[in-house]
C-alpha atoms as a PDB file:
ATOM      1  CA  MET A   1     -18.926  91.464 -42.065  1.00  0.00           C
ATOM      2  CA  THR A   2     -18.490  88.589 -39.597  1.00  0.00           C
ATOM      3  CA  GLU A   3     -15.068  89.698 -38.332  1.00  0.00           C
ATOM      4  CA  ASP A   4     -16.353  93.208 -37.543  1.00  0.00           C
ATOM      5  CA  ALA A   5     -19.336  91.770 -35.671  1.00  0.00           C
ATOM      6  CA  VAL A   6     -17.074  89.472 -33.657  1.00  0.00           C
ATOM      7  CA  ALA A   7     -14.789  92.386 -32.715  1.00  0.00           C
ATOM      8  CA  ARG A   8     -17.809  94.427 -31.595  1.00  0.00           C
ATOM      9  CA  HIS A   9     -19.031  91.563 -29.418  1.00  0.00           C
ATOM     10  CA  TYR A  10     -15.749  91.459 -27.509  1.00  0.00           C
ATOM     11  CA  ALA A  11     -15.166  95.224 -27.344  1.00  0.00           C
ATOM     12  CA  SER A  12     -14.613  96.721 -23.884  1.00  0.00           C
ATOM     13  CA  ASP A  13     -13.016 100.050 -23.018  1.00  0.00           C
ATOM     14  CA  ASP A  14      -9.891 100.599 -20.920  1.00  0.00           C
ATOM     15  CA  ILE A  15      -9.456  96.935 -20.012  1.00  0.00           C
ATOM     16  CA  ALA A  16      -5.864  97.063 -18.772  1.00  0.00           C
ATOM     17  CA  ARG A  17      -6.399 100.048 -16.476  1.00  0.00           C
ATOM     18  CA  ARG A  18      -9.439  98.436 -14.860  1.00  0.00           C
ATOM     19  CA  ILE A  19      -7.588  95.157 -14.355  1.00  0.00           C
ATOM     20  CA  LEU A  20      -4.489  96.783 -12.861  1.00  0.00           C
ATOM     21  CA  ASP A  21      -6.551  99.063 -10.611  1.00  0.00           C
ATOM     22  CA  ALA A  22      -8.516  96.085  -9.294  1.00  0.00           C
ATOM     23  CA  LEU A  23      -5.383  94.020  -8.735  1.00  0.00           C
ATOM     24  CA  ARG A  24      -3.626  96.793  -6.812  1.00  0.00           C
ATOM     25  CA  ALA A  25      -6.738  97.530  -4.762  1.00  0.00           C
ATOM     26  CA  GLU A  26      -6.863  93.883  -3.745  1.00  0.00           C
ATOM     27  CA  LEU A  27      -3.151  93.107  -3.298  1.00  0.00           C
ATOM     28  CA  GLY A  28      -1.653  96.502  -2.533  1.00  0.00           C
ATOM     29  CA  ALA A  29      -0.232  99.363  -4.562  1.00  0.00           C
ATOM     30  CA  ASP A  30       3.222  97.772  -4.671  1.00  0.00           C
ATOM     31  CA  ALA A  31       2.051  94.258  -5.504  1.00  0.00           C
ATOM     32  CA  ALA A  32       4.028  92.448  -8.188  1.00  0.00           C
ATOM     33  CA  ILE A  33       2.117  92.175 -11.464  1.00  0.00           C
ATOM     34  CA  THR A  34       2.718  88.557 -12.465  1.00  0.00           C
ATOM     35  CA  PRO A  35       0.906  86.130 -14.791  1.00  0.00           C
ATOM     36  CA  ASP A  36      -0.299  84.162 -11.753  1.00  0.00           C
ATOM     37  CA  ALA A  37      -1.636  87.293 -10.044  1.00  0.00           C
ATOM     38  CA  LEU A  38      -3.445  88.293 -13.220  1.00  0.00           C
ATOM     39  CA  ALA A  39      -4.890  84.830 -13.865  1.00  0.00           C
ATOM     40  CA  PRO A  40      -8.347  85.439 -12.300  1.00  0.00           C
ATOM     41  CA  LEU A  41      -8.668  88.486 -14.568  1.00  0.00           C
ATOM     42  CA  ASP A  42      -7.035  87.610 -17.882  1.00  0.00           C
ATOM     43  CA  GLN A  43      -7.784  83.911 -18.543  1.00  0.00           C
ATOM     44  CA  PHE A  44     -10.880  84.595 -20.633  1.00  0.00           C
ATOM     45  CA  HIS A  45     -12.215  81.102 -21.316  1.00  0.00           C
ATOM     46  CA  GLY A  46     -14.171  78.430 -19.503  1.00  0.00           C
ATOM     47  CA  ARG A  47     -12.398  76.983 -16.416  1.00  0.00           C
ATOM     48  CA  GLY A  48      -9.869  79.816 -16.427  1.00  0.00           C
ATOM     49  CA  LEU A  49      -6.267  78.943 -15.639  1.00  0.00           C
ATOM     50  CA  GLN A  50      -7.022  75.229 -15.295  1.00  0.00           C
ATOM     51  CA  ALA A  51      -8.025  75.125 -18.958  1.00  0.00           C
ATOM     52  CA  THR A  52      -4.689  76.684 -19.906  1.00  0.00           C
ATOM     53  CA  ARG A  53      -2.817  74.156 -17.754  1.00  0.00           C
ATOM     54  CA  ASP A  54      -4.659  71.307 -19.474  1.00  0.00           C
ATOM     55  CA  LEU A  55      -3.869  72.696 -22.906  1.00  0.00           C
ATOM     56  CA  VAL A  56      -0.189  73.180 -22.021  1.00  0.00           C
ATOM     57  CA  ALA A  57       0.008  69.564 -20.857  1.00  0.00           C
ATOM     58  CA  MET A  58      -0.827  68.570 -24.445  1.00  0.00           C
ATOM     59  CA  LEU A  59       1.308  71.232 -26.107  1.00  0.00           C
ATOM     60  CA  ASP A  60       4.496  70.556 -24.083  1.00  0.00           C
ATOM     61  CA  PRO A  61       6.308  73.841 -24.878  1.00  0.00           C
ATOM     62  CA  GLN A  62      10.087  73.951 -24.516  1.00  0.00           C
ATOM     63  CA  PRO A  63      12.419  76.829 -23.547  1.00  0.00           C
ATOM     64  CA  ASP A  64      13.168  79.313 -26.327  1.00  0.00           C
ATOM     65  CA  GLU A  65      10.692  77.796 -28.762  1.00  0.00           C
ATOM     66  CA  ALA A  66       8.476  80.112 -30.812  1.00  0.00           C
ATOM     67  CA  LEU A  67       4.769  79.654 -30.052  1.00  0.00           C
ATOM     68  CA  LEU A  68       1.705  81.191 -31.680  1.00  0.00           C
ATOM     69  CA  ASP A  69      -1.509  81.956 -29.771  1.00  0.00           C
ATOM     70  CA  ILE A  70      -4.318  82.216 -32.337  1.00  0.00           C
ATOM     71  CA  GLY A  71      -7.074  84.406 -30.913  1.00  0.00           C
ATOM     72  CA  CYS A  72      -5.077  85.395 -27.854  1.00  0.00           C
ATOM     73  CA  GLY A  73      -7.643  87.718 -26.252  1.00  0.00           C
ATOM     74  CA  ILE A  74      -6.011  89.954 -23.671  1.00  0.00           C
ATOM     75  CA  GLY A  75      -2.979  87.687 -23.554  1.00  0.00           C
ATOM     76  CA  GLY A  76      -3.372  85.824 -20.271  1.00  0.00           C
ATOM     77  CA  PRO A  77      -2.399  82.367 -21.558  1.00  0.00           C
ATOM     78  CA  ALA A  78       0.466  83.778 -23.639  1.00  0.00           C
ATOM     79  CA  ARG A  79       1.998  85.515 -20.622  1.00  0.00           C
ATOM     80  CA  TRP A  80       1.481  82.540 -18.327  1.00  0.00           C
ATOM     81  CA  ILE A  81       3.046  80.086 -20.789  1.00  0.00           C
ATOM     82  CA  ALA A  82       5.987  82.371 -21.605  1.00  0.00           C
ATOM     83  CA  GLY A  83       6.664  82.990 -17.931  1.00  0.00           C
ATOM     84  CA  LYS A  84       6.481  79.346 -16.887  1.00  0.00           C
ATOM     85  CA  PHE A  85       8.266  77.728 -19.817  1.00  0.00           C
ATOM     86  CA  ARG A  86      10.678  80.470 -20.932  1.00  0.00           C
ATOM     87  CA  CYS A  87       9.494  80.292 -24.516  1.00  0.00           C
ATOM     88  CA  ARG A  88       8.575  83.128 -26.875  1.00  0.00           C
ATOM     89  CA  VAL A  89       4.865  83.593 -27.561  1.00  0.00           C
ATOM     90  CA  THR A  90       3.290  85.685 -30.291  1.00  0.00           C
ATOM     91  CA  GLY A  91      -0.411  86.396 -29.934  1.00  0.00           C
ATOM     92  CA  VAL A  92      -2.818  87.437 -32.684  1.00  0.00           C
ATOM     93  CA  ASP A  93      -6.320  88.740 -32.073  1.00  0.00           C
ATOM     94  CA  LEU A  94      -9.023  90.417 -34.111  1.00  0.00           C
ATOM     95  CA  THR A  95     -10.369  92.779 -31.417  1.00  0.00           C
ATOM     96  CA  PRO A  96      -8.496  96.102 -31.101  1.00  0.00           C
ATOM     97  CA  ASP A  97      -9.458  96.555 -27.435  1.00  0.00           C
ATOM     98  CA  PHE A  98      -8.010  93.135 -26.635  1.00  0.00           C
ATOM     99  CA  VAL A  99      -4.758  93.837 -28.428  1.00  0.00           C
ATOM    100  CA  THR A 100      -4.311  97.176 -26.656  1.00  0.00           C
ATOM    101  CA  ALA A 101      -4.986  95.568 -23.277  1.00  0.00           C
ATOM    102  CA  ALA A 102      -2.702  92.613 -23.991  1.00  0.00           C
ATOM    103  CA  GLN A 103       0.181  94.903 -24.879  1.00  0.00           C
ATOM    104  CA  ALA A 104      -0.263  97.027 -21.738  1.00  0.00           C
ATOM    105  CA  LEU A 105      -0.552  94.030 -19.408  1.00  0.00           C
ATOM    106  CA  THR A 106       2.476  92.400 -20.993  1.00  0.00           C
ATOM    107  CA  LEU A 107       4.527  95.527 -20.284  1.00  0.00           C
ATOM    108  CA  ALA A 108       3.225  95.548 -16.702  1.00  0.00           C
ATOM    109  CA  THR A 109       4.452  91.983 -16.155  1.00  0.00           C
ATOM    110  CA  GLY A 110       7.880  92.682 -17.609  1.00  0.00           C
ATOM    111  CA  LEU A 111       7.432  90.012 -20.267  1.00  0.00           C
ATOM    112  CA  ALA A 112       7.663  92.191 -23.372  1.00  0.00           C
ATOM    113  CA  ASP A 113      10.905  90.440 -24.324  1.00  0.00           C
ATOM    114  CA  ARG A 114       9.061  87.107 -24.580  1.00  0.00           C
ATOM    115  CA  VAL A 115       5.463  88.015 -25.482  1.00  0.00           C
ATOM    116  CA  SER A 116       4.258  90.115 -28.397  1.00  0.00           C
ATOM    117  CA  VAL A 117       0.655  90.704 -29.424  1.00  0.00           C
ATOM    118  CA  LEU A 118      -0.632  92.147 -32.672  1.00  0.00           C
ATOM    119  CA  ARG A 119      -3.927  92.598 -34.391  1.00  0.00           C
ATOM    120  CA  GLY A 120      -4.685  90.142 -37.155  1.00  0.00           C
ATOM    121  CA  SER A 121      -7.096  87.596 -38.537  1.00  0.00           C
ATOM    122  CA  ALA A 122      -6.805  83.870 -37.930  1.00  0.00           C
ATOM    123  CA  LEU A 123      -7.811  83.445 -41.581  1.00  0.00           C
ATOM    124  CA  ASP A 124      -4.881  85.478 -42.871  1.00  0.00           C
ATOM    125  CA  LEU A 125      -2.096  85.170 -40.309  1.00  0.00           C
ATOM    126  CA  PRO A 126       0.524  87.909 -40.764  1.00  0.00           C
ATOM    127  CA  PHE A 127       3.501  85.546 -40.796  1.00  0.00           C
ATOM    128  CA  GLY A 128       5.584  83.672 -43.290  1.00  0.00           C
ATOM    129  CA  ALA A 129       5.465  79.914 -43.675  1.00  0.00           C
ATOM    130  CA  ALA A 130       7.102  77.581 -41.140  1.00  0.00           C
ATOM    131  CA  ARG A 131       7.613  80.322 -38.548  1.00  0.00           C
ATOM    132  CA  PHE A 132       6.498  78.627 -35.299  1.00  0.00           C
ATOM    133  CA  ASP A 133       7.449  75.492 -33.381  1.00  0.00           C
ATOM    134  CA  ARG A 134       4.030  75.132 -31.782  1.00  0.00           C
ATOM    135  CA  ALA A 135       0.640  76.844 -31.883  1.00  0.00           C
ATOM    136  CA  TYR A 136      -2.521  76.756 -29.830  1.00  0.00           C
ATOM    137  CA  SER A 137      -6.015  78.180 -29.806  1.00  0.00           C
ATOM    138  CA  GLN A 138      -8.604  78.261 -27.041  1.00  0.00           C
ATOM    139  CA  ASN A 139     -12.302  78.642 -27.814  1.00  0.00           C
ATOM    140  CA  VAL A 140     -11.758  80.712 -30.953  1.00  0.00           C
ATOM    141  CA  VAL A 141     -12.945  78.609 -33.875  1.00  0.00           C
ATOM    142  CA  MET A 142     -16.592  78.923 -32.737  1.00  0.00           C
ATOM    143  CA  ASN A 143     -16.489  82.468 -34.159  1.00  0.00           C
ATOM    144  CA  ILE A 144     -15.143  81.364 -37.548  1.00  0.00           C
ATOM    145  CA  PRO A 145     -17.365  80.071 -40.353  1.00  0.00           C
ATOM    146  CA  ASP A 146     -14.453  79.130 -42.645  1.00  0.00           C
ATOM    147  CA  LYS A 147     -12.880  76.482 -40.461  1.00  0.00           C
ATOM    148  CA  PRO A 148     -10.848  74.776 -43.223  1.00  0.00           C
ATOM    149  CA  ARG A 149      -9.033  78.058 -43.825  1.00  0.00           C
ATOM    150  CA  PHE A 150      -8.425  78.501 -40.079  1.00  0.00           C
ATOM    151  CA  TYR A 151      -6.696  75.120 -39.867  1.00  0.00           C
ATOM    152  CA  ALA A 152      -4.878  75.649 -43.171  1.00  0.00           C
ATOM    153  CA  GLU A 153      -3.378  78.908 -41.897  1.00  0.00           C
ATOM    154  CA  ALA A 154      -2.243  77.244 -38.674  1.00  0.00           C
ATOM    155  CA  PHE A 155      -0.672  74.459 -40.750  1.00  0.00           C
ATOM    156  CA  ARG A 156       1.093  76.967 -43.002  1.00  0.00           C
ATOM    157  CA  VAL A 157       2.836  78.909 -40.234  1.00  0.00           C
ATOM    158  CA  LEU A 158       3.997  75.821 -38.299  1.00  0.00           C
ATOM    159  CA  LYS A 159       7.389  74.298 -38.913  1.00  0.00           C
ATOM    160  CA  PRO A 160       7.443  70.698 -40.154  1.00  0.00           C
ATOM    161  CA  GLY A 161       6.897  68.507 -37.115  1.00  0.00           C
ATOM    162  CA  GLY A 162       5.205  71.379 -35.251  1.00  0.00           C
ATOM    163  CA  THR A 163       2.121  70.819 -33.115  1.00  0.00           C
ATOM    164  CA  LEU A 164      -1.236  72.551 -32.773  1.00  0.00           C
ATOM    165  CA  ALA A 165      -3.187  72.259 -29.502  1.00  0.00           C
ATOM    166  CA  LEU A 166      -6.872  73.143 -29.538  1.00  0.00           C
ATOM    167  CA  SER A 167      -9.624  73.651 -27.027  1.00  0.00           C
ATOM    168  CA  ASN A 168     -12.742  73.862 -29.188  1.00  0.00           C
ATOM    169  CA  GLY A 169     -16.450  74.065 -28.636  1.00  0.00           C
ATOM    170  CA  ALA A 170     -18.416  71.854 -31.031  1.00  0.00           C
ATOM    171  CA  ARG A 171     -22.052  71.414 -31.904  1.00  0.00           C
ATOM    172  CA  GLY A 172     -24.004  68.908 -29.846  1.00  0.00           C
ATOM    173  CA  ASP A 173     -27.732  68.239 -29.738  1.00  0.00           C
ATOM    174  CA  GLY A 174     -29.419  71.543 -30.448  1.00  0.00           C
ATOM    175  CA  ASP A 175     -28.352  75.173 -30.334  1.00  0.00           C
ATOM    176  CA  PRO A 176     -26.622  76.762 -27.339  1.00  0.00           C
ATOM    177  CA  TYR A 177     -28.479  79.200 -25.152  1.00  0.00           C
ATOM    178  CA  PHE A 178     -27.537  82.757 -26.073  1.00  0.00           C
ATOM    179  CA  PRO A 179     -25.754  84.912 -25.153  1.00  0.00           C
ATOM    180  CA  VAL A 180     -22.634  82.842 -24.517  1.00  0.00           C
ATOM    181  CA  PRO A 181     -19.049  84.094 -24.075  1.00  0.00           C
ATOM    182  CA  TRP A 182     -18.252  83.824 -27.788  1.00  0.00           C
ATOM    183  CA  ALA A 183     -21.490  85.203 -29.247  1.00  0.00           C
ATOM    184  CA  ALA A 184     -24.485  87.272 -28.220  1.00  0.00           C
ATOM    185  CA  THR A 185     -26.676  85.766 -30.964  1.00  0.00           C
ATOM    186  CA  PRO A 186     -26.493  82.890 -33.466  1.00  0.00           C
ATOM    187  CA  ASP A 187     -25.236  85.367 -36.093  1.00  0.00           C
ATOM    188  CA  THR A 188     -21.622  85.051 -34.911  1.00  0.00           C
ATOM    189  CA  SER A 189     -21.690  81.495 -33.572  1.00  0.00           C
ATOM    190  CA  PHE A 190     -20.414  78.781 -35.911  1.00  0.00           C
ATOM    191  CA  LEU A 191     -20.244  75.396 -34.228  1.00  0.00           C
ATOM    192  CA  SER A 192     -19.206  72.421 -36.315  1.00  0.00           C
ATOM    193  CA  THR A 193     -19.975  68.876 -35.264  1.00  0.00           C
ATOM    194  CA  VAL A 194     -17.413  66.674 -33.560  1.00  0.00           C
ATOM    195  CA  GLU A 195     -16.835  64.630 -36.708  1.00  0.00           C
ATOM    196  CA  GLN A 196     -16.654  67.682 -38.954  1.00  0.00           C
ATOM    197  CA  THR A 197     -14.008  69.123 -36.632  1.00  0.00           C
ATOM    198  CA  ARG A 198     -11.900  66.013 -37.113  1.00  0.00           C
ATOM    199  CA  ARG A 199     -12.347  66.112 -40.893  1.00  0.00           C
ATOM    200  CA  ASP A 200     -11.430  69.791 -41.122  1.00  0.00           C
ATOM    201  CA  ILE A 201      -8.233  69.356 -39.105  1.00  0.00           C
ATOM    202  CA  GLU A 202      -7.119  66.326 -41.098  1.00  0.00           C
ATOM    203  CA  GLY A 203      -8.140  68.036 -44.337  1.00  0.00           C
ATOM    204  CA  ALA A 204      -5.612  70.788 -43.637  1.00  0.00           C
ATOM    205  CA  GLY A 205      -2.846  68.169 -43.599  1.00  0.00           C
ATOM    206  CA  PHE A 206      -2.481  67.576 -39.863  1.00  0.00           C
ATOM    207  CA  ARG A 207      -2.022  64.188 -38.266  1.00  0.00           C
ATOM    208  CA  ILE A 208      -4.215  63.987 -35.150  1.00  0.00           C
ATOM    209  CA  GLU A 209      -2.400  62.630 -32.107  1.00  0.00           C
ATOM    210  CA  ARG A 210      -5.112  63.275 -29.528  1.00  0.00           C
ATOM    211  CA  PHE A 211      -8.815  63.883 -30.076  1.00  0.00           C
ATOM    212  CA  HIS A 212     -10.718  63.878 -26.809  1.00  0.00           C
ATOM    213  CA  ASP A 213     -14.303  64.830 -26.065  1.00  0.00           C
ATOM    214  CA  ALA A 214     -13.925  66.350 -22.596  1.00  0.00           C
ATOM    215  CA  THR A 215     -17.586  67.279 -22.191  1.00  0.00           C
ATOM    216  CA  GLU A 216     -18.358  64.741 -19.471  1.00  0.00           C
ATOM    217  CA  GLU A 217     -15.354  65.734 -17.353  1.00  0.00           C
ATOM    218  CA  ILE A 218     -16.178  69.422 -17.682  1.00  0.00           C
ATOM    219  CA  ARG A 219     -19.821  68.744 -16.872  1.00  0.00           C
ATOM    220  CA  ALA A 220     -18.826  66.820 -13.743  1.00  0.00           C
ATOM    221  CA  GLN A 221     -16.426  69.550 -12.659  1.00  0.00           C
ATOM    222  CA  ALA A 222     -19.150  72.176 -12.994  1.00  0.00           C
ATOM    223  CA  ALA A 223     -21.633  70.046 -11.036  1.00  0.00           C
ATOM    224  CA  ALA A 224     -19.090  69.534  -8.252  1.00  0.00           C
ATOM    225  CA  GLN A 225     -18.598  73.240  -7.740  1.00  0.00           C
ATOM    226  CA  ARG A 226     -20.715  74.480  -4.880  1.00  0.00           C
ATOM    227  CA  PRO A 227     -22.884  77.448  -5.850  1.00  0.00           C
ATOM    228  CA  ALA A 228     -22.336  80.628  -3.902  1.00  0.00           C
ATOM    229  CA  ALA A 229     -24.735  81.191  -1.038  1.00  0.00           C
ATOM    230  CA  PRO A 230     -27.592  83.593  -1.818  1.00  0.00           C
ATOM    231  CA  GLY A 231     -26.439  87.135  -1.288  1.00  0.00           C
ATOM    232  CA  ALA A 232     -22.774  86.172  -1.026  1.00  0.00           C
ATOM    233  CA  ALA A 233     -20.342  88.818  -2.231  1.00  0.00           C
ATOM    234  CA  LYS A 234     -18.639  88.027  -5.513  1.00  0.00           C
ATOM    235  CA  PRO A 235     -14.834  87.818  -5.515  1.00  0.00           C
ATOM    236  CA  SER A 236     -13.022  91.114  -5.975  1.00  0.00           C
ATOM    237  CA  LEU A 237     -10.944  89.712  -8.823  1.00  0.00           C
ATOM    238  CA  GLY A 238     -12.584  88.104 -11.808  1.00  0.00           C
ATOM    239  CA  LEU A 239     -13.630  88.637 -15.387  1.00  0.00           C
ATOM    240  CA  HIS A 240     -16.468  90.881 -14.195  1.00  0.00           C
ATOM    241  CA  VAL A 241     -13.863  93.585 -13.531  1.00  0.00           C
ATOM    242  CA  TRP A 242     -13.696  94.349 -17.251  1.00  0.00           C
ATOM    243  CA  LEU A 243     -16.658  92.460 -18.720  1.00  0.00           C
ATOM    244  CA  GLY A 244     -19.218  93.653 -16.181  1.00  0.00           C
ATOM    245  CA  ASP A 245     -22.239  91.672 -15.072  1.00  0.00           C
ATOM    246  CA  ARG A 246     -22.785  90.207 -18.544  1.00  0.00           C
ATOM    247  CA  ILE A 247     -20.234  87.533 -17.662  1.00  0.00           C
ATOM    248  CA  LYS A 248     -22.726  85.963 -15.238  1.00  0.00           C
ATOM    249  CA  LEU A 249     -25.265  85.337 -17.990  1.00  0.00           C
ATOM    250  CA  TYR A 250     -22.535  84.207 -20.406  1.00  0.00           C
ATOM    251  CA  ALA A 251     -21.271  81.667 -17.900  1.00  0.00           C
ATOM    252  CA  ALA A 252     -24.730  80.430 -16.922  1.00  0.00           C
ATOM    253  CA  ASN A 253     -25.782  79.886 -20.533  1.00  0.00           C
ATOM    254  CA  SER A 254     -22.500  78.216 -21.420  1.00  0.00           C
ATOM    255  CA  GLN A 255     -22.728  75.828 -18.472  1.00  0.00           C
ATOM    256  CA  ARG A 256     -26.361  75.036 -19.235  1.00  0.00           C
ATOM    257  CA  SER A 257     -25.557  74.395 -22.904  1.00  0.00           C
ATOM    258  CA  ILE A 258     -22.775  71.986 -21.934  1.00  0.00           C
ATOM    259  CA  ALA A 259     -24.890  70.302 -19.254  1.00  0.00           C
ATOM    260  CA  GLU A 260     -27.669  69.603 -21.778  1.00  0.00           C
ATOM    261  CA  GLY A 261     -25.276  68.372 -24.462  1.00  0.00           C
ATOM    262  CA  ARG A 262     -25.951  71.273 -26.795  1.00  0.00           C
ATOM    263  CA  VAL A 263     -22.231  72.109 -26.843  1.00  0.00           C
ATOM    264  CA  ARG A 264     -19.407  69.551 -26.803  1.00  0.00           C
ATOM    265  CA  MET A 265     -15.943  70.503 -25.578  1.00  0.00           C
ATOM    266  CA  LEU A 266     -13.005  69.036 -27.487  1.00  0.00           C
ATOM    267  CA  GLU A 267      -9.303  68.809 -26.678  1.00  0.00           C
ATOM    268  CA  VAL A 268      -7.159  68.144 -29.744  1.00  0.00           C
ATOM    269  CA  LEU A 269      -3.443  67.804 -30.433  1.00  0.00           C
ATOM    270  CA  ALA A 270      -2.462  67.718 -34.107  1.00  0.00           C
ATOM    271  CA  ARG A 271       0.962  67.558 -35.736  1.00  0.00           C
ATOM    272  CA  LYS A 272       2.240  68.863 -39.048  1.00  0.00           C
ATOM    273  CA  PRO A 273       4.179  65.986 -40.632  1.00  0.00           C
ATOM    274  CA  ALA A 274       7.932  66.426 -40.601  1.00  0.00           C
END
């Protein structure tokens, strides 16, 4: 079953403990556990916290609104958004290890009154209709073969006039190099084309307000980053703390796939008609 295979790909034991131990070792035993402090460790997507900032600029969350994070991972974006904008964020993720870690890290930040995370499928969201003011999803749909249902579920749980912000990988010229962060093999990678992405979103009933292919900007940003000197020590805080050394190959293959145009990176804002 695809969902089981996806959950196995992301599985990692004792994530929260490893993250908190690393953070305290770096910042001190009494260091405040805040969304900003956790950002190098819990923003599990390309470009890290900057990608979340870019998505939030489209989403424009307001205080006390109800937001949904579809495929929330270990909850880094949900905590950061809730803390900065004083809104309420509910996260849903398929991977049990991610949900457990997200709940523990949310307690550690003192944000349990504004952030909740539960296990669930993006294809069968465990909420009634018209529940959320806004929703977002970062690099999740690449794991989902039934994209029309993904967008239909997001549409269903949004209030009339609600918005959906997306950061999506799309198919370019050729297959990506595996493994990548979202899939170890082609068996759990489902990239639609740029035009099919637009059709699927509109087919669910959304009105697209922004549809931007950000591949060139992301490619330029990656090229501008100076590579670490040979033998240089890696930072103490980073995704490697809980993902291990596999993150280096994931990142290298992802960057190469984007650089060669095999993967396109899309930023989309869609609205459910009022």
